[in-house]
């Protein structure tokens, strides 16, 4: 495997689980500069020329709710299996518990089609696989990935992930984001009394855990003020 593999699958998880400075750099110095400095140091240590530039990396950091911080790290397009499209770091701000998750390039052994694996590395170095999807059938964007791994990180069960809509319809609900006051429109056609679900505000980056109680949507988690 090349040096980028070691960076994505070994060094970054090590920093995530053991280095407060790494999180501080992501927030204060930016995701792209921090990732570029990291990968360049790897190539420099091996006395090899780094083939990447800072603009090859991107991402963002945000506080999703009062308890959860996330950093999305986007890498250069993976050229081989099992390189990563991106990684997501989560932190429980109360306990400082960390989660490091990856979306990895894969290949279906049956027909050779490219496939995306939703995986992660735990603090003990164990690699976990949470499922997969075909690239040409479903492309996981940032919003879906953030919500999916939020679910995994908190161990939430039977929580729906409704799609955020661009406009209202006969099967939609409009909710005002408590943080930024923008309207969030979501599909309510598959939500029943007592169901819980996650809703993502694409304007400010907050995630809300809601529950339908007596035909009203009740926020179940505490939201950053």
N, C-alpha and C. Protein backbone atom coordinates (compact mmCIF):
# COMPACT_ATOMS: atom_id res chain seq x y z
N UNK A 1 0.83 -1.20 0.00
CA UNK A 1 0.00 0.00 0.00
C UNK A 1 0.88 1.26 0.00
N UNK A 2 0.36 2.35 -0.59
CA UNK A 2 1.15 3.56 -0.65
C UNK A 2 1.07 4.36 0.65
N UNK A 3 1.79 5.45 0.70
CA UNK A 3 1.87 6.24 1.92
C UNK A 3 0.55 6.91 2.27
N UNK A 4 -0.26 7.21 1.26
CA UNK A 4 -1.57 7.80 1.53
C UNK A 4 -2.44 6.83 2.33
N UNK A 5 -2.32 5.52 2.04
CA UNK A 5 -3.08 4.52 2.79
C UNK A 5 -2.69 4.56 4.27
N UNK A 6 -1.41 4.57 4.55
CA UNK A 6 -0.95 4.62 5.93
C UNK A 6 -1.40 5.88 6.63
N UNK A 7 -1.45 6.97 5.88
CA UNK A 7 -1.91 8.25 6.44
C UNK A 7 -3.38 8.17 6.83
N UNK A 8 -4.22 7.63 5.93
CA UNK A 8 -5.66 7.59 6.16
C UNK A 8 -6.08 6.55 7.19
N UNK A 9 -5.44 5.39 7.16
CA UNK A 9 -5.89 4.25 7.96
C UNK A 9 -5.10 4.03 9.25
N UNK A 10 -3.95 4.65 9.38
CA UNK A 10 -3.13 4.41 10.57
C UNK A 10 -2.80 5.70 11.31
N UNK A 11 -2.22 6.67 10.60
CA UNK A 11 -1.76 7.88 11.27
C UNK A 11 -2.92 8.76 11.74
N UNK A 12 -3.89 9.01 10.87
CA UNK A 12 -5.02 9.86 11.26
C UNK A 12 -5.82 9.28 12.42
N UNK A 13 -6.15 7.98 12.42
CA UNK A 13 -6.82 7.43 13.61
C UNK A 13 -5.98 7.59 14.88
N UNK A 14 -4.67 7.41 14.76
CA UNK A 14 -3.79 7.58 15.92
C UNK A 14 -3.86 9.00 16.45
N UNK A 15 -3.81 9.97 15.56
CA UNK A 15 -3.91 11.37 15.98
C UNK A 15 -5.29 11.65 16.58
N UNK A 16 -6.34 11.11 15.94
CA UNK A 16 -7.71 11.38 16.41
C UNK A 16 -7.91 10.89 17.84
N UNK A 17 -7.38 9.71 18.14
CA UNK A 17 -7.62 9.11 19.46
C UNK A 17 -6.63 9.57 20.52
N UNK A 18 -5.53 10.19 20.09
CA UNK A 18 -4.48 10.49 21.07
C UNK A 18 -3.98 11.92 21.10
N UNK A 19 -4.42 12.77 20.16
CA UNK A 19 -3.84 14.11 20.08
C UNK A 19 -4.89 15.21 20.11
N UNK A 20 -4.93 15.94 21.20
CA UNK A 20 -5.81 17.10 21.28
C UNK A 20 -5.35 18.18 20.30
N UNK A 21 -4.03 18.28 20.10
CA UNK A 21 -3.49 19.28 19.18
C UNK A 21 -4.03 19.09 17.77
N UNK A 22 -4.25 17.84 17.37
CA UNK A 22 -4.77 17.56 16.04
C UNK A 22 -6.16 18.19 15.87
N UNK A 23 -7.04 18.01 16.85
CA UNK A 23 -8.37 18.61 16.79
C UNK A 23 -8.27 20.14 16.79
N UNK A 24 -7.40 20.66 17.62
CA UNK A 24 -7.22 22.12 17.68
C UNK A 24 -6.77 22.67 16.33
N UNK A 25 -5.87 21.95 15.66
CA UNK A 25 -5.39 22.39 14.34
C UNK A 25 -6.51 22.36 13.31
N UNK A 26 -7.34 21.31 13.35
CA UNK A 26 -8.45 21.23 12.40
C UNK A 26 -9.38 22.43 12.54
N UNK A 27 -9.66 22.81 13.79
CA UNK A 27 -10.59 23.90 14.05
C UNK A 27 -9.94 25.26 13.78
N UNK A 28 -8.72 25.45 14.29
CA UNK A 28 -8.10 26.78 14.27
C UNK A 28 -7.28 27.07 13.02
N UNK A 29 -6.70 26.03 12.41
CA UNK A 29 -5.85 26.24 11.24
C UNK A 29 -6.51 25.79 9.94
N UNK A 30 -7.60 25.05 10.06
CA UNK A 30 -8.33 24.61 8.87
C UNK A 30 -8.06 23.16 8.52
N UNK A 31 -9.05 22.51 7.93
CA UNK A 31 -8.94 21.08 7.59
C UNK A 31 -7.90 20.85 6.50
N UNK A 32 -8.02 21.57 5.37
CA UNK A 32 -7.10 21.35 4.26
C UNK A 32 -5.64 21.59 4.63
N UNK A 33 -5.29 22.73 5.28
CA UNK A 33 -3.89 22.94 5.67
C UNK A 33 -3.38 21.87 6.63
N UNK A 34 -4.23 21.44 7.57
CA UNK A 34 -3.80 20.43 8.55
C UNK A 34 -3.55 19.09 7.88
N UNK A 35 -4.44 18.68 6.96
CA UNK A 35 -4.25 17.41 6.26
C UNK A 35 -3.03 17.47 5.35
N UNK A 36 -2.84 18.59 4.67
CA UNK A 36 -1.69 18.69 3.77
C UNK A 36 -0.37 18.64 4.53
N UNK A 37 -0.29 19.37 5.64
CA UNK A 37 0.94 19.31 6.45
C UNK A 37 1.21 17.89 6.93
N UNK A 38 0.12 17.19 7.28
CA UNK A 38 0.29 15.82 7.76
C UNK A 38 0.80 14.87 6.69
N UNK A 39 0.18 14.90 5.50
CA UNK A 39 0.61 13.98 4.45
C UNK A 39 2.00 14.35 3.93
N UNK A 40 2.30 15.65 3.89
CA UNK A 40 3.63 16.07 3.43
C UNK A 40 4.71 15.58 4.39
N UNK A 41 4.42 15.61 5.69
CA UNK A 41 5.41 15.13 6.66
C UNK A 41 5.67 13.64 6.49
N UNK A 42 4.62 12.90 6.10
CA UNK A 42 4.79 11.46 5.86
C UNK A 42 5.76 11.22 4.70
N UNK A 43 5.55 11.93 3.60
CA UNK A 43 6.43 11.77 2.43
C UNK A 43 7.83 12.28 2.73
N UNK A 44 7.93 13.39 3.47
CA UNK A 44 9.24 13.92 3.83
C UNK A 44 10.02 12.91 4.68
N UNK A 45 9.34 12.26 5.61
CA UNK A 45 10.00 11.28 6.47
C UNK A 45 10.51 10.08 5.69
N UNK A 46 9.85 9.78 4.56
CA UNK A 46 10.28 8.67 3.71
C UNK A 46 11.18 9.15 2.56
N UNK A 47 11.53 10.46 2.64
CA UNK A 47 12.40 11.04 1.62
C UNK A 47 11.84 10.85 0.21
N UNK A 48 10.53 11.04 0.10
CA UNK A 48 9.85 10.97 -1.19
C UNK A 48 9.14 12.29 -1.45
N UNK A 49 8.96 12.61 -2.73
CA UNK A 49 8.27 13.83 -3.09
C UNK A 49 6.77 13.64 -2.92
N UNK A 50 6.12 14.57 -2.25
CA UNK A 50 4.68 14.48 -2.02
C UNK A 50 3.93 14.82 -3.31
N UNK A 51 3.06 13.93 -3.81
CA UNK A 51 2.35 14.18 -5.07
C UNK A 51 1.10 15.03 -4.92
N UNK A 52 0.81 15.48 -3.70
CA UNK A 52 -0.43 16.21 -3.43
C UNK A 52 -0.17 17.68 -3.13
N UNK A 53 -1.20 18.48 -3.33
CA UNK A 53 -1.18 19.89 -2.98
C UNK A 53 -2.25 20.15 -1.93
N UNK A 54 -2.17 21.29 -1.28
CA UNK A 54 -3.15 21.61 -0.23
C UNK A 54 -4.57 21.62 -0.78
N UNK A 55 -4.74 22.09 -2.03
CA UNK A 55 -6.07 22.17 -2.61
C UNK A 55 -6.67 20.80 -2.93
N UNK A 56 -5.87 19.73 -2.83
CA UNK A 56 -6.39 18.38 -3.03
C UNK A 56 -7.21 17.91 -1.83
N UNK A 57 -7.11 18.63 -0.73
CA UNK A 57 -7.82 18.26 0.50
C UNK A 57 -8.85 19.34 0.83
N UNK A 58 -9.90 18.95 1.52
CA UNK A 58 -10.92 19.91 1.95
C UNK A 58 -11.71 19.30 3.10
N UNK A 59 -12.70 20.04 3.57
CA UNK A 59 -13.52 19.55 4.67
C UNK A 59 -14.00 20.69 5.54
N UNK A 60 -14.60 20.34 6.66
CA UNK A 60 -15.11 21.35 7.59
C UNK A 60 -15.24 20.77 8.98
N UNK A 61 -15.37 21.64 9.95
CA UNK A 61 -15.64 21.23 11.33
C UNK A 61 -16.87 21.99 11.81
N UNK A 62 -17.66 21.35 12.67
CA UNK A 62 -18.84 22.01 13.22
C UNK A 62 -19.28 21.31 14.49
N UNK A 63 -20.04 22.02 15.29
CA UNK A 63 -20.67 21.44 16.47
C UNK A 63 -22.10 21.11 16.09
N UNK A 64 -22.43 19.82 16.09
CA UNK A 64 -23.73 19.39 15.61
C UNK A 64 -24.84 19.67 16.61
N UNK A 65 -24.57 19.41 17.87
CA UNK A 65 -25.50 19.72 18.95
C UNK A 65 -24.67 20.02 20.19
N UNK A 66 -25.30 20.16 21.32
CA UNK A 66 -24.57 20.58 22.51
C UNK A 66 -23.54 19.53 22.94
N UNK A 67 -23.72 18.29 22.51
CA UNK A 67 -22.85 17.20 22.95
C UNK A 67 -21.87 16.71 21.89
N UNK A 68 -22.04 17.11 20.62
CA UNK A 68 -21.33 16.45 19.53
C UNK A 68 -20.57 17.42 18.63
N UNK A 69 -19.28 17.12 18.43
CA UNK A 69 -18.43 17.83 17.47
C UNK A 69 -18.11 16.87 16.33
N UNK A 70 -18.05 17.38 15.10
CA UNK A 70 -17.66 16.55 13.97
C UNK A 70 -16.69 17.30 13.07
N UNK A 71 -15.75 16.55 12.50
CA UNK A 71 -14.84 17.08 11.49
C UNK A 71 -14.94 16.17 10.27
N UNK A 72 -15.22 16.74 9.11
CA UNK A 72 -15.27 15.98 7.85
C UNK A 72 -13.98 16.26 7.10
N UNK A 73 -13.24 15.18 6.79
CA UNK A 73 -11.94 15.29 6.12
C UNK A 73 -12.06 14.67 4.74
N UNK A 74 -11.93 15.47 3.70
CA UNK A 74 -12.03 14.96 2.33
C UNK A 74 -10.64 14.81 1.73
N UNK A 75 -10.41 13.63 1.12
CA UNK A 75 -9.11 13.29 0.54
C UNK A 75 -9.16 13.37 -0.99
N UNK A 76 -7.99 13.32 -1.64
CA UNK A 76 -7.99 13.20 -3.10
C UNK A 76 -8.76 11.95 -3.53
N UNK A 77 -9.33 11.99 -4.71
CA UNK A 77 -10.13 10.85 -5.20
C UNK A 77 -9.31 9.57 -5.11
N UNK A 78 -9.84 8.54 -4.44
CA UNK A 78 -9.08 7.29 -4.27
C UNK A 78 -8.85 6.58 -5.60
N UNK A 79 -7.61 6.15 -5.80
CA UNK A 79 -7.26 5.49 -7.05
C UNK A 79 -7.27 3.97 -6.92
N UNK A 80 -7.22 3.47 -5.69
CA UNK A 80 -7.20 2.02 -5.50
C UNK A 80 -7.91 1.64 -4.21
N UNK A 81 -8.25 0.36 -4.12
CA UNK A 81 -8.89 -0.21 -2.93
C UNK A 81 -7.82 -0.46 -1.89
N UNK A 82 -8.06 -0.12 -0.59
CA UNK A 82 -9.23 0.49 0.02
C UNK A 82 -8.98 1.93 0.46
N UNK A 83 -8.51 2.77 -0.46
CA UNK A 83 -8.28 4.17 -0.14
C UNK A 83 -9.61 4.84 0.20
N UNK A 84 -9.53 5.99 0.86
CA UNK A 84 -10.73 6.65 1.37
C UNK A 84 -11.14 7.87 0.53
N UNK A 85 -12.43 8.00 0.36
CA UNK A 85 -12.99 9.24 -0.19
C UNK A 85 -12.91 10.34 0.87
N UNK A 86 -13.24 9.96 2.11
CA UNK A 86 -13.23 10.91 3.20
C UNK A 86 -13.21 10.17 4.54
N UNK A 87 -12.97 10.93 5.60
CA UNK A 87 -13.06 10.41 6.96
C UNK A 87 -13.87 11.40 7.79
N UNK A 88 -14.52 10.89 8.83
CA UNK A 88 -15.30 11.73 9.73
C UNK A 88 -14.89 11.46 11.16
N UNK A 89 -14.57 12.51 11.89
CA UNK A 89 -14.19 12.40 13.30
C UNK A 89 -15.32 12.96 14.16
N UNK A 90 -15.71 12.20 15.16
CA UNK A 90 -16.73 12.65 16.11
C UNK A 90 -16.13 12.71 17.50
N UNK A 91 -16.61 13.68 18.30
CA UNK A 91 -16.19 13.76 19.69
C UNK A 91 -17.41 14.04 20.56
N UNK A 92 -17.57 13.24 21.61
CA UNK A 92 -18.54 13.52 22.66
C UNK A 92 -17.91 14.60 23.54
N UNK A 93 -18.45 15.80 23.50
CA UNK A 93 -17.83 16.93 24.18
C UNK A 93 -17.88 16.81 25.69
N UNK A 94 -18.73 15.94 26.23
CA UNK A 94 -18.81 15.74 27.67
C UNK A 94 -17.74 14.77 28.17
N UNK A 95 -17.60 13.64 27.48
CA UNK A 95 -16.68 12.59 27.93
C UNK A 95 -15.37 12.56 27.14
N UNK A 96 -15.31 13.30 26.01
CA UNK A 96 -14.16 13.32 25.10
C UNK A 96 -13.99 11.99 24.37
N UNK A 97 -15.04 11.17 24.33
CA UNK A 97 -15.00 9.93 23.54
C UNK A 97 -14.91 10.29 22.07
N UNK A 98 -14.09 9.53 21.32
CA UNK A 98 -13.80 9.81 19.92
C UNK A 98 -14.31 8.68 19.03
N UNK A 99 -14.69 9.02 17.81
CA UNK A 99 -14.99 8.03 16.79
C UNK A 99 -14.35 8.45 15.48
N UNK A 100 -13.68 7.51 14.80
CA UNK A 100 -13.05 7.79 13.50
C UNK A 100 -13.67 6.87 12.47
N UNK A 101 -14.34 7.45 11.47
CA UNK A 101 -15.06 6.67 10.47
C UNK A 101 -14.56 7.03 9.07
N UNK A 102 -14.71 6.09 8.14
CA UNK A 102 -14.20 6.27 6.79
C UNK A 102 -15.21 5.82 5.75
N UNK A 103 -15.18 6.46 4.59
CA UNK A 103 -15.89 5.96 3.41
C UNK A 103 -14.81 5.52 2.43
N UNK A 104 -14.73 4.21 2.19
CA UNK A 104 -13.61 3.62 1.46
C UNK A 104 -14.02 3.10 0.08
N UNK A 105 -13.08 3.18 -0.84
CA UNK A 105 -13.30 2.62 -2.17
C UNK A 105 -13.19 1.11 -2.11
N UNK A 106 -14.15 0.44 -2.75
CA UNK A 106 -14.13 -1.01 -2.80
C UNK A 106 -14.50 -1.50 -4.17
N UNK A 107 -14.54 -2.82 -4.32
CA UNK A 107 -14.88 -3.43 -5.60
C UNK A 107 -15.72 -4.67 -5.36
N UNK A 108 -16.83 -4.77 -6.08
CA UNK A 108 -17.69 -5.93 -5.96
C UNK A 108 -17.00 -7.12 -6.62
N UNK A 109 -16.73 -8.20 -5.88
CA UNK A 109 -16.03 -9.35 -6.47
C UNK A 109 -16.84 -10.05 -7.57
N UNK A 110 -18.16 -9.83 -7.57
CA UNK A 110 -19.01 -10.51 -8.55
C UNK A 110 -18.89 -9.90 -9.94
N UNK A 111 -18.89 -8.56 -10.01
CA UNK A 111 -18.88 -7.93 -11.34
C UNK A 111 -17.83 -6.84 -11.48
N UNK A 112 -17.03 -6.59 -10.44
CA UNK A 112 -15.96 -5.60 -10.53
C UNK A 112 -16.40 -4.16 -10.41
N UNK A 113 -17.69 -3.92 -10.15
CA UNK A 113 -18.18 -2.55 -10.04
C UNK A 113 -17.60 -1.88 -8.79
N UNK A 114 -17.39 -0.55 -8.91
CA UNK A 114 -16.90 0.21 -7.76
C UNK A 114 -17.98 0.30 -6.70
N UNK A 115 -17.58 0.16 -5.46
CA UNK A 115 -18.52 0.18 -4.36
C UNK A 115 -17.93 1.00 -3.22
N UNK A 116 -18.80 1.60 -2.41
CA UNK A 116 -18.36 2.39 -1.26
C UNK A 116 -18.60 1.60 0.02
N UNK A 117 -17.57 1.48 0.84
CA UNK A 117 -17.72 0.82 2.13
C UNK A 117 -17.72 1.87 3.23
N UNK A 118 -18.68 1.77 4.15
CA UNK A 118 -18.79 2.66 5.29
C UNK A 118 -18.15 1.96 6.48
N UNK A 119 -16.99 2.44 6.87
CA UNK A 119 -16.17 1.73 7.84
C UNK A 119 -15.68 2.64 8.96
N UNK A 120 -14.78 2.14 9.77
CA UNK A 120 -14.19 2.93 10.82
C UNK A 120 -13.12 2.16 11.57
N UNK A 121 -12.25 2.90 12.26
CA UNK A 121 -11.22 2.33 13.10
C UNK A 121 -11.49 2.74 14.55
N UNK A 122 -11.48 1.76 15.47
CA UNK A 122 -11.68 2.12 16.88
C UNK A 122 -10.34 2.41 17.54
N UNK A 123 -10.39 2.81 18.81
CA UNK A 123 -9.17 3.23 19.50
C UNK A 123 -8.19 2.08 19.71
N UNK A 124 -8.66 0.83 19.60
CA UNK A 124 -7.78 -0.33 19.76
C UNK A 124 -7.23 -0.84 18.43
N UNK A 125 -7.51 -0.12 17.34
CA UNK A 125 -6.98 -0.50 16.04
C UNK A 125 -7.83 -1.51 15.30
N UNK A 126 -9.06 -1.74 15.74
CA UNK A 126 -9.95 -2.68 15.06
C UNK A 126 -10.68 -1.96 13.94
N UNK A 127 -10.75 -2.62 12.79
CA UNK A 127 -11.44 -2.07 11.62
C UNK A 127 -12.87 -2.61 11.59
N UNK A 128 -13.85 -1.71 11.50
CA UNK A 128 -15.26 -2.10 11.49
C UNK A 128 -15.91 -1.72 10.17
N UNK A 129 -16.82 -2.58 9.71
CA UNK A 129 -17.54 -2.35 8.46
C UNK A 129 -19.03 -2.22 8.78
N UNK A 130 -19.64 -1.09 8.37
CA UNK A 130 -21.03 -0.82 8.70
C UNK A 130 -21.97 -0.94 7.49
N UNK A 131 -21.44 -1.36 6.34
CA UNK A 131 -22.29 -1.52 5.16
C UNK A 131 -21.64 -0.94 3.93
N UNK A 132 -22.35 -1.03 2.81
CA UNK A 132 -21.79 -0.57 1.54
C UNK A 132 -22.90 -0.11 0.61
N UNK A 133 -22.51 0.55 -0.48
CA UNK A 133 -23.46 1.01 -1.49
C UNK A 133 -22.73 1.18 -2.81
N UNK A 134 -23.43 0.93 -3.92
CA UNK A 134 -22.84 1.14 -5.24
C UNK A 134 -22.75 2.63 -5.53
N UNK A 135 -21.61 3.03 -6.09
CA UNK A 135 -21.37 4.43 -6.40
C UNK A 135 -22.38 4.95 -7.42
N UNK A 136 -22.70 4.15 -8.43
CA UNK A 136 -23.60 4.62 -9.49
C UNK A 136 -25.06 4.59 -9.08
N UNK A 137 -25.37 3.94 -7.96
CA UNK A 137 -26.75 3.89 -7.48
C UNK A 137 -26.99 4.92 -6.39
N UNK A 138 -26.03 5.07 -5.50
CA UNK A 138 -26.23 6.02 -4.40
C UNK A 138 -24.90 6.61 -3.99
N UNK A 139 -24.78 7.92 -4.12
CA UNK A 139 -23.56 8.61 -3.74
C UNK A 139 -23.77 9.30 -2.40
N UNK A 140 -23.06 8.86 -1.37
CA UNK A 140 -23.22 9.43 -0.05
C UNK A 140 -22.61 10.83 -0.01
N UNK A 141 -23.45 11.84 0.13
CA UNK A 141 -22.96 13.20 0.29
C UNK A 141 -22.64 13.46 1.75
N UNK A 142 -22.11 14.65 2.03
CA UNK A 142 -21.72 14.98 3.40
C UNK A 142 -22.88 14.87 4.38
N UNK A 143 -24.06 15.35 3.98
CA UNK A 143 -25.19 15.36 4.90
C UNK A 143 -25.56 13.95 5.32
N UNK A 144 -25.67 13.04 4.34
CA UNK A 144 -26.05 11.66 4.66
C UNK A 144 -24.99 10.96 5.47
N UNK A 145 -23.72 11.22 5.14
CA UNK A 145 -22.64 10.59 5.90
C UNK A 145 -22.61 11.08 7.34
N UNK A 146 -22.76 12.39 7.53
CA UNK A 146 -22.75 12.94 8.88
C UNK A 146 -23.87 12.33 9.71
N UNK A 147 -25.05 12.21 9.13
CA UNK A 147 -26.18 11.64 9.86
C UNK A 147 -25.98 10.14 10.11
N UNK A 148 -25.48 9.43 9.09
CA UNK A 148 -25.28 7.99 9.23
C UNK A 148 -24.32 7.68 10.36
N UNK A 149 -23.15 8.32 10.37
CA UNK A 149 -22.16 8.01 11.39
C UNK A 149 -22.50 8.64 12.74
N UNK A 150 -23.31 9.69 12.76
CA UNK A 150 -23.84 10.19 14.03
C UNK A 150 -24.65 9.07 14.70
N UNK A 151 -25.44 8.39 13.89
CA UNK A 151 -26.22 7.25 14.36
C UNK A 151 -25.31 6.17 14.95
N UNK A 152 -24.25 5.83 14.22
CA UNK A 152 -23.31 4.80 14.67
C UNK A 152 -22.58 5.24 15.94
N UNK A 153 -22.11 6.48 15.95
CA UNK A 153 -21.31 6.99 17.07
C UNK A 153 -22.10 6.95 18.38
N UNK A 154 -23.36 7.33 18.32
CA UNK A 154 -24.18 7.36 19.54
C UNK A 154 -24.92 6.06 19.80
N UNK A 155 -24.81 5.09 18.89
CA UNK A 155 -25.45 3.80 19.09
C UNK A 155 -26.97 3.88 19.08
N UNK A 156 -27.51 4.78 18.26
CA UNK A 156 -28.96 4.95 18.21
C UNK A 156 -29.59 3.80 17.42
N UNK A 157 -30.73 3.31 17.89
CA UNK A 157 -31.41 2.18 17.26
C UNK A 157 -32.74 2.63 16.66
N UNK A 158 -33.05 2.06 15.50
CA UNK A 158 -34.34 2.30 14.86
C UNK A 158 -34.65 3.78 14.68
N UNK A 159 -33.63 4.54 14.32
CA UNK A 159 -33.82 5.96 14.09
C UNK A 159 -33.86 6.21 12.57
N UNK A 160 -34.90 6.84 12.11
CA UNK A 160 -35.04 7.10 10.69
C UNK A 160 -34.14 8.25 10.28
N UNK A 161 -33.78 8.28 9.00
CA UNK A 161 -32.95 9.36 8.45
C UNK A 161 -33.68 9.97 7.25
N UNK A 162 -34.71 10.80 7.50
CA UNK A 162 -35.47 11.34 6.37
C UNK A 162 -34.65 12.32 5.55
N UNK A 163 -34.90 12.33 4.25
CA UNK A 163 -34.19 13.25 3.36
C UNK A 163 -34.70 14.67 3.55
N UNK A 164 -33.77 15.61 3.52
CA UNK A 164 -34.15 17.03 3.55
C UNK A 164 -34.54 17.44 2.14
N UNK A 165 -35.69 18.09 2.00
CA UNK A 165 -36.23 18.44 0.70
C UNK A 165 -35.92 19.89 0.34
N UNK A 166 -36.04 20.21 -0.95
CA UNK A 166 -35.79 21.57 -1.42
C UNK A 166 -37.06 22.40 -1.42
N UNK A 167 -38.23 21.75 -1.52
CA UNK A 167 -39.48 22.49 -1.54
C UNK A 167 -40.60 21.65 -0.93
N UNK A 168 -41.68 22.33 -0.56
CA UNK A 168 -42.78 21.65 0.09
C UNK A 168 -43.58 20.80 -0.90
N UNK A 169 -44.26 19.78 -0.35
CA UNK A 169 -45.16 18.95 -1.13
C UNK A 169 -46.28 18.48 -0.21
N UNK A 170 -47.14 17.60 -0.72
CA UNK A 170 -48.25 17.08 0.09
C UNK A 170 -47.76 16.18 1.21
N UNK A 171 -46.53 15.69 1.10
CA UNK A 171 -46.00 14.77 2.11
C UNK A 171 -44.75 15.35 2.78
N UNK A 172 -44.80 16.65 3.08
CA UNK A 172 -43.64 17.28 3.70
C UNK A 172 -44.06 18.07 4.92
N UNK A 173 -43.09 18.28 5.80
CA UNK A 173 -43.27 19.10 7.00
C UNK A 173 -42.20 20.18 7.00
N UNK A 174 -42.58 21.39 7.39
CA UNK A 174 -41.64 22.50 7.48
C UNK A 174 -41.36 22.77 8.95
N UNK A 175 -40.08 22.75 9.32
CA UNK A 175 -39.68 23.00 10.69
C UNK A 175 -38.66 24.14 10.71
N UNK A 176 -38.79 25.04 11.65
CA UNK A 176 -37.82 26.11 11.81
C UNK A 176 -36.66 25.63 12.65
N UNK A 177 -35.44 25.77 12.12
CA UNK A 177 -34.25 25.38 12.88
C UNK A 177 -34.14 26.28 14.12
N UNK A 178 -34.13 25.70 15.33
CA UNK A 178 -34.03 26.52 16.55
C UNK A 178 -32.75 27.35 16.62
N UNK A 179 -31.70 26.91 15.93
CA UNK A 179 -30.42 27.61 16.02
C UNK A 179 -30.33 28.78 15.05
N UNK A 180 -30.58 28.51 13.76
CA UNK A 180 -30.38 29.57 12.75
C UNK A 180 -31.68 30.15 12.21
N UNK A 181 -32.83 29.54 12.60
CA UNK A 181 -34.17 30.02 12.23
C UNK A 181 -34.50 29.82 10.75
N UNK A 182 -33.67 29.07 10.02
CA UNK A 182 -33.98 28.75 8.64
C UNK A 182 -35.00 27.61 8.59
N UNK A 183 -35.75 27.52 7.48
CA UNK A 183 -36.73 26.46 7.34
C UNK A 183 -36.09 25.16 6.86
N UNK A 184 -36.40 24.06 7.55
CA UNK A 184 -35.99 22.73 7.13
C UNK A 184 -37.24 22.01 6.65
N UNK A 185 -37.20 21.50 5.43
CA UNK A 185 -38.35 20.79 4.86
C UNK A 185 -37.98 19.31 4.74
N UNK A 186 -38.80 18.43 5.31
CA UNK A 186 -38.48 17.01 5.25
C UNK A 186 -39.70 16.17 4.91
N UNK A 187 -39.45 14.99 4.37
CA UNK A 187 -40.50 14.07 3.95
C UNK A 187 -41.08 13.38 5.18
N UNK A 188 -42.39 13.50 5.38
CA UNK A 188 -43.04 12.89 6.55
C UNK A 188 -43.84 11.65 6.22
N UNK A 189 -43.77 11.19 4.95
CA UNK A 189 -44.65 10.11 4.50
C UNK A 189 -44.41 8.78 5.21
N UNK A 190 -43.18 8.55 5.70
CA UNK A 190 -42.87 7.28 6.35
C UNK A 190 -42.66 7.43 7.86
N UNK A 191 -43.12 8.53 8.44
CA UNK A 191 -42.95 8.77 9.87
C UNK A 191 -44.28 8.55 10.57
N UNK A 192 -44.29 7.65 11.57
CA UNK A 192 -45.50 7.31 12.31
C UNK A 192 -45.39 7.75 13.76
N UNK A 193 -46.50 7.76 14.46
CA UNK A 193 -46.54 8.12 15.86
C UNK A 193 -45.53 7.31 16.67
N UNK A 194 -44.69 8.01 17.44
CA UNK A 194 -43.69 7.35 18.27
C UNK A 194 -42.35 7.15 17.60
N UNK A 195 -42.26 7.38 16.28
CA UNK A 195 -41.00 7.22 15.57
C UNK A 195 -40.01 8.31 15.96
N UNK A 196 -38.73 7.93 16.01
CA UNK A 196 -37.65 8.89 16.21
C UNK A 196 -36.86 9.00 14.91
N UNK A 197 -36.31 10.18 14.67
CA UNK A 197 -35.52 10.34 13.46
C UNK A 197 -34.54 11.49 13.63
N UNK A 198 -33.53 11.52 12.74
CA UNK A 198 -32.51 12.55 12.74
C UNK A 198 -32.78 13.53 11.61
N UNK A 199 -32.65 14.81 11.90
CA UNK A 199 -32.86 15.84 10.91
C UNK A 199 -31.64 16.76 10.89
N UNK A 200 -31.14 17.03 9.71
CA UNK A 200 -29.92 17.81 9.54
C UNK A 200 -30.26 19.17 8.96
N UNK A 201 -29.78 20.24 9.58
CA UNK A 201 -29.95 21.58 9.02
C UNK A 201 -28.72 21.91 8.17
N UNK A 202 -28.91 21.98 6.87
CA UNK A 202 -27.77 22.22 5.98
C UNK A 202 -27.29 23.67 6.03
N UNK A 203 -28.06 24.54 6.68
CA UNK A 203 -27.66 25.95 6.78
C UNK A 203 -26.62 26.16 7.88
N UNK A 204 -26.83 25.54 9.05
CA UNK A 204 -25.92 25.78 10.18
C UNK A 204 -25.19 24.53 10.66
N UNK A 205 -25.54 23.35 10.11
CA UNK A 205 -24.80 22.13 10.43
C UNK A 205 -25.29 21.39 11.65
N UNK A 206 -26.39 21.84 12.30
CA UNK A 206 -26.89 21.13 13.47
C UNK A 206 -27.65 19.87 13.08
N UNK A 207 -27.56 18.86 13.93
CA UNK A 207 -28.39 17.67 13.79
C UNK A 207 -29.38 17.65 14.94
N UNK A 208 -30.65 17.37 14.62
CA UNK A 208 -31.69 17.29 15.64
C UNK A 208 -32.24 15.86 15.69
N UNK A 209 -32.40 15.36 16.90
CA UNK A 209 -33.05 14.08 17.09
C UNK A 209 -34.49 14.37 17.51
N UNK A 210 -35.44 14.01 16.64
CA UNK A 210 -36.84 14.33 16.85
C UNK A 210 -37.67 13.07 17.10
N UNK A 211 -38.84 13.27 17.70
CA UNK A 211 -39.79 12.18 17.93
C UNK A 211 -41.19 12.71 17.68
N UNK A 212 -41.99 11.91 16.97
CA UNK A 212 -43.37 12.29 16.69
C UNK A 212 -44.25 11.86 17.85
N UNK A 213 -44.78 12.83 18.60
CA UNK A 213 -45.61 12.57 19.77
C UNK A 213 -46.91 13.36 19.64
N UNK A 214 -48.05 12.64 19.60
CA UNK A 214 -49.36 13.28 19.47
C UNK A 214 -49.40 14.22 18.27
N UNK A 215 -48.84 13.72 17.18
CA UNK A 215 -48.82 14.46 15.90
C UNK A 215 -47.99 15.74 15.95
N UNK A 216 -47.10 15.85 16.93
CA UNK A 216 -46.18 16.97 17.01
C UNK A 216 -44.75 16.45 17.04
N UNK A 217 -43.83 17.19 16.41
CA UNK A 217 -42.43 16.79 16.38
C UNK A 217 -41.70 17.40 17.56
N UNK A 218 -41.26 16.54 18.46
CA UNK A 218 -40.60 16.97 19.70
C UNK A 218 -39.10 16.74 19.59
N UNK A 219 -38.32 17.77 19.92
CA UNK A 219 -36.86 17.64 19.89
C UNK A 219 -36.40 16.86 21.12
N UNK A 220 -35.67 15.77 20.90
CA UNK A 220 -35.26 14.88 21.97
C UNK A 220 -33.88 15.21 22.53
N UNK A 221 -33.03 15.88 21.75
CA UNK A 221 -31.70 16.20 22.25
C UNK A 221 -31.59 17.69 22.54
N UNK A 222 -30.57 18.06 23.32
CA UNK A 222 -30.33 19.46 23.63
C UNK A 222 -29.57 20.10 22.49
N UNK A 223 -30.01 21.26 22.06
CA UNK A 223 -29.43 21.93 20.91
C UNK A 223 -28.55 23.08 21.36
N UNK A 224 -27.44 23.25 20.71
CA UNK A 224 -26.56 24.36 21.01
C UNK A 224 -27.28 25.69 20.83
N UNK A 225 -27.18 26.57 21.82
CA UNK A 225 -27.86 27.87 21.75
C UNK A 225 -26.99 28.88 20.98
